Amino acid sequence: MEVTGLSAPTVTVFISSSLNSFRSEKRYSRSLTIAEFKCKLELVVGSPASCMELELYGADEKFCCKLDQEDALLGSYPVDNGCRIHVIDHSGARLGEYEDVSKVEKYRISQEAYDQRQDSVRSFLKRSKLGRYNEEEQAQQAQREADTTQRLREEQEQASAIPVGSRCEVRVPGQPPRRGTIMYVGVTDFKPGHWIGVRYDEPLGKNDGSVNGKHYFECPAKYGAFVKPSVVTVGDFPEEDYGLDEM
C-alpha cells in the first residue's frame, strides 16, 4: 500500500466498533501515530489498544485499507473527513457487553451509615438548616398547604350551592356589579380550584365560554367570564340594559 502525506492538521471521522452498536463522531490530529491513536480509541470503544484491529472505510462506506502500521502517522493513510474507522476487538468481549449497565456493581450504603457521614448532601442540609431540616420553613409550608386545602374546600362548598342556569350578580372588588346567567360550575384546566362560568347580559366579559381552546359553555364573544364562587350571588336579578349594544 502506498501512503501519502496530507496537509490538514486534523480530521473528523466516525468511530464504530465490534463491541458497540453505535457510532461516535470524533476529531483527531493527523500527527498521531497509529499506536497513539489506538490509546485514544480505548476511551471511545472500551477495547484495549493491544487488542485492536483498525479498518478504514471511505465516506461511501467502501473498505479502503487496514491501519496496521503502529509507528505510521494517522495522516499518512487516506483518512479524510467523513471516513469511518472500524475497531475490531480481539479481547474476547461480546457485542454490547460494555453497554449493559445491569452488570455493573452498584454502590449501596445504609441509611444509618449515610446519616453518619459529614461530607454528604444530607449533612450539609442539616448543618445549614435547609429544606426539610428548616423547622420554621417546614411549619410555614405546612400552614400554606393547610390554608390552600381549606380555601379549596370552601370554594367547593360555595360552588355546590350555585345551580347552572340560575340568574346571578357578580361583584368583583374594584369593579361595578354585573348581571348574567350561570353557565358552568366546576374545575377547569386553566387554573386550580372551582370556577363559575357566567354569560353576562352585555359584552362585559373576556371570552366566549372557552379558555386556551377548551369550551366550557357557549356564548357570544366578550359575553363570557370565569369568576370565583365567592363573588357570585344567585337570585332573581332581571336583565339590565347597559346600552353597550348601541355603542
Foldseek 3Di string as FASTA:
>chain_A
DAFAADDDQKAWEWEAEQAEDDIDIDMDGQQDFQLRVLVVCCVVRVAHSVFWWKWKAQLVRHTDGTSPDRGDGNRRHPGHHNIYIYIYGPPPDHHCPVVPCVPPDDDDDDPVVVVPDCPDPVNVCCVVCDDPSVVVVVVVVVVVVVVVVVVLVVLVVLLVVDDFQFKKWFDDPPDDIFIFGFHAWAADDPDGHIKTKTFTPDLCAAAQQDDPPDHRGGDDGSRIHIDGSVRMDTDPDDHDCPVPVVD
